[in-house]
Amino acid sequence: MRVFFRHARRRQRSVSGPTCYRSAAYRPLRPWQVRERSFRPTPLGRRGLDPQEVREFLDRVAGDLAVVYDALAQSRRETDRVKDALRRWQSEQGRARNERGYDR
């Protein structure tokens, strides 16, 4: 999981940087997109994939994507919470330093 987030950060930086290799229209896959994906049936007399197996696999991929997106959202919420706490602490420290400086 840690490797996924490290790679995601790299991709995120490259998208916002000046040397972007993805188009602006690129959107990552969402679980519902994977679940709704359908494949054309093979013509008669030709080999093909078992539609049931394909559906099961797509459901599994969609479930994994949902878990990853949930973990990412939770991580972002936690990051925001920590950043807010740090900002409050820094403000309190700055005020305390200013008050001590005026007392001298």
C-alpha atoms as a PDB file:
ATOM      1  CA  MET A   1       0.000   0.000   0.000  1.00  0.00           C
ATOM      2  CA  ARG A   2       2.850   2.373   0.876  1.00  0.00           C
ATOM      3  CA  VAL A   3       4.368   1.855  -2.579  1.00  0.00           C
ATOM      4  CA  PHE A   4       1.054   2.734  -4.231  1.00  0.00           C
ATOM      5  CA  PHE A   5       0.851   6.068  -2.407  1.00  0.00           C
ATOM      6  CA  ARG A   6       4.496   6.851  -3.193  1.00  0.00           C
ATOM      7  CA  HIS A   7       3.829   6.258  -6.900  1.00  0.00           C
ATOM      8  CA  ALA A   8       0.571   8.218  -6.688  1.00  0.00           C
ATOM      9  CA  ARG A   9       2.452  11.209  -5.262  1.00  0.00           C
ATOM     10  CA  ARG A  10       4.955  11.035  -8.102  1.00  0.00           C
ATOM     11  CA  ARG A  11       2.157  10.920 -10.670  1.00  0.00           C
ATOM     12  CA  GLN A  12       0.395  13.773  -8.948  1.00  0.00           C
ATOM     13  CA  ARG A  13       3.535  15.937  -9.035  1.00  0.00           C
ATOM     14  CA  SER A  14       4.174  15.184 -12.686  1.00  0.00           C
ATOM     15  CA  VAL A  15       0.616  16.104 -13.655  1.00  0.00           C
ATOM     16  CA  SER A  16       0.854  19.532 -12.054  1.00  0.00           C
ATOM     17  CA  GLY A  17       4.433  20.147 -13.219  1.00  0.00           C
ATOM     18  CA  PRO A  18       5.500  21.851 -16.437  1.00  0.00           C
ATOM     19  CA  THR A  19       6.426  18.565 -18.157  1.00  0.00           C
ATOM     20  CA  CYS A  20       3.110  16.758 -18.119  1.00  0.00           C
ATOM     21  CA  TYR A  21       2.813  13.666 -20.282  1.00  0.00           C
ATOM     22  CA  ARG A  22      -0.891  13.122 -19.651  1.00  0.00           C
ATOM     23  CA  SER A  23      -3.611  15.070 -21.315  1.00  0.00           C
ATOM     24  CA  ALA A  24      -5.668  17.402 -19.193  1.00  0.00           C
ATOM     25  CA  ALA A  25      -8.685  15.212 -19.977  1.00  0.00           C
ATOM     26  CA  TYR A  26      -7.117  12.170 -18.218  1.00  0.00           C
ATOM     27  CA  ARG A  27      -9.269  10.887 -15.392  1.00  0.00           C
ATOM     28  CA  PRO A  28      -8.334   7.896 -13.232  1.00  0.00           C
ATOM     29  CA  LEU A  29     -10.684   4.933 -13.276  1.00  0.00           C
ATOM     30  CA  ARG A  30     -13.424   4.898 -10.683  1.00  0.00           C
ATOM     31  CA  PRO A  31     -14.903   1.705  -9.250  1.00  0.00           C
ATOM     32  CA  TRP A  32     -18.255   2.255 -10.954  1.00  0.00           C
ATOM     33  CA  GLN A  33     -16.503   2.603 -14.333  1.00  0.00           C
ATOM     34  CA  VAL A  34     -14.858  -0.786 -13.897  1.00  0.00           C
ATOM     35  CA  ARG A  35     -18.114  -2.398 -12.783  1.00  0.00           C
ATOM     36  CA  GLU A  36     -20.026  -1.006 -15.772  1.00  0.00           C
ATOM     37  CA  ARG A  37     -17.396  -1.984 -18.348  1.00  0.00           C
ATOM     38  CA  SER A  38     -18.675  -4.604 -20.774  1.00  0.00           C
ATOM     39  CA  PHE A  39     -16.922  -6.642 -23.428  1.00  0.00           C
ATOM     40  CA  ARG A  40     -18.226  -7.631 -26.826  1.00  0.00           C
ATOM     41  CA  PRO A  41     -19.096 -11.296 -27.122  1.00  0.00           C
ATOM     42  CA  THR A  42     -16.886 -13.380 -29.347  1.00  0.00           C
ATOM     43  CA  PRO A  43     -18.305 -14.466 -32.686  1.00  0.00           C
ATOM     44  CA  LEU A  44     -19.627 -17.995 -32.925  1.00  0.00           C
ATOM     45  CA  GLY A  45     -16.969 -20.590 -33.508  1.00  0.00           C
ATOM     46  CA  ARG A  46     -14.194 -18.451 -32.018  1.00  0.00           C
ATOM     47  CA  ARG A  47     -12.523 -18.701 -28.689  1.00  0.00           C
ATOM     48  CA  GLY A  48     -13.111 -16.031 -26.126  1.00  0.00           C
ATOM     49  CA  LEU A  49     -13.208 -15.243 -22.470  1.00  0.00           C
ATOM     50  CA  ASP A  50     -15.851 -16.562 -20.143  1.00  0.00           C
ATOM     51  CA  PRO A  51     -18.107 -13.543 -19.514  1.00  0.00           C
ATOM     52  CA  GLN A  52     -18.763 -14.658 -15.936  1.00  0.00           C
ATOM     53  CA  GLU A  53     -15.036 -14.790 -15.165  1.00  0.00           C
ATOM     54  CA  VAL A  54     -14.536 -11.351 -16.717  1.00  0.00           C
ATOM     55  CA  ARG A  55     -17.381  -9.944 -14.622  1.00  0.00           C
ATOM     56  CA  GLU A  56     -15.982 -11.503 -11.427  1.00  0.00           C
ATOM     57  CA  PHE A  57     -12.559 -10.083 -12.183  1.00  0.00           C
ATOM     58  CA  LEU A  58     -13.943  -6.608 -12.887  1.00  0.00           C
ATOM     59  CA  ASP A  59     -15.900  -6.723  -9.623  1.00  0.00           C
ATOM     60  CA  ARG A  60     -12.718  -7.664  -7.798  1.00  0.00           C
ATOM     61  CA  VAL A  61     -10.753  -4.827  -9.427  1.00  0.00           C
ATOM     62  CA  ALA A  62     -13.559  -2.387  -8.631  1.00  0.00           C
ATOM     63  CA  GLY A  63     -13.551  -3.517  -5.002  1.00  0.00           C
ATOM     64  CA  ASP A  64      -9.800  -3.028  -4.777  1.00  0.00           C
ATOM     65  CA  LEU A  65     -10.099   0.424  -6.331  1.00  0.00           C
ATOM     66  CA  ALA A  66     -12.817   1.340  -3.845  1.00  0.00           C
ATOM     67  CA  VAL A  67     -10.591   0.293  -0.938  1.00  0.00           C
ATOM     68  CA  VAL A  68      -7.692   2.332  -2.295  1.00  0.00           C
ATOM     69  CA  TYR A  69      -9.842   5.425  -2.851  1.00  0.00           C
ATOM     70  CA  ASP A  70     -11.295   5.095   0.670  1.00  0.00           C
ATOM     71  CA  ALA A  71      -7.794   4.787   2.149  1.00  0.00           C
ATOM     72  CA  LEU A  72      -6.655   7.797   0.154  1.00  0.00           C
ATOM     73  CA  ALA A  73      -9.609   9.882   1.322  1.00  0.00           C
ATOM     74  CA  GLN A  74      -8.999   8.864   4.934  1.00  0.00           C
ATOM     75  CA  SER A  75      -5.310   9.723   4.579  1.00  0.00           C
ATOM     76  CA  ARG A  76      -6.180  13.159   3.182  1.00  0.00           C
ATOM     77  CA  ARG A  77      -8.606  13.817   6.034  1.00  0.00           C
ATOM     78  CA  GLU A  78      -5.941  12.840   8.552  1.00  0.00           C
ATOM     79  CA  THR A  79      -3.366  15.039   6.802  1.00  0.00           C
ATOM     80  CA  ASP A  80      -5.771  17.990   6.915  1.00  0.00           C
ATOM     81  CA  ARG A  81      -6.425  17.372  10.612  1.00  0.00           C
ATOM     82  CA  VAL A  82      -2.697  17.266  11.411  1.00  0.00           C
ATOM     83  CA  LYS A  83      -2.017  20.388   9.333  1.00  0.00           C
ATOM     84  CA  ASP A  84      -4.781  22.279  11.144  1.00  0.00           C
ATOM     85  CA  ALA A  85      -3.432  21.187  14.532  1.00  0.00           C
ATOM     86  CA  LEU A  86       0.075  22.265  13.522  1.00  0.00           C
ATOM     87  CA  ARG A  87      -1.184  25.668  12.354  1.00  0.00           C
ATOM     88  CA  ARG A  88      -3.012  26.189  15.644  1.00  0.00           C
ATOM     89  CA  TRP A  89       0.071  25.190  17.623  1.00  0.00           C
ATOM     90  CA  GLN A  90       2.307  27.500  15.567  1.00  0.00           C
ATOM     91  CA  SER A  91      -0.128  30.387  16.085  1.00  0.00           C
ATOM     92  CA  GLU A  92      -0.170  29.781  19.834  1.00  0.00           C
ATOM     93  CA  GLN A  93       3.634  29.631  19.923  1.00  0.00           C
ATOM     94  CA  GLY A  94       3.880  32.849  17.907  1.00  0.00           C
ATOM     95  CA  ARG A  95       1.466  34.640  20.218  1.00  0.00           C
ATOM     96  CA  ALA A  96       3.317  33.387  23.291  1.00  0.00           C
ATOM     97  CA  ARG A  97       6.646  34.512  21.828  1.00  0.00           C
ATOM     98  CA  ASN A  98       5.236  37.968  21.052  1.00  0.00           C
ATOM     99  CA  GLU A  99       3.809  38.310  24.558  1.00  0.00           C
ATOM    100  CA  ARG A 100       7.151  37.359  26.120  1.00  0.00           C
ATOM    101  CA  GLY A 101       8.954  39.782  23.823  1.00  0.00           C
ATOM    102  CA  TYR A 102       6.714  42.669  24.902  1.00  0.00           C
ATOM    103  CA  ASP A 103       7.147  41.859  28.584  1.00  0.00           C
ATOM    104  CA  ARG A 104      10.927  42.344  28.445  1.00  0.00           C
END
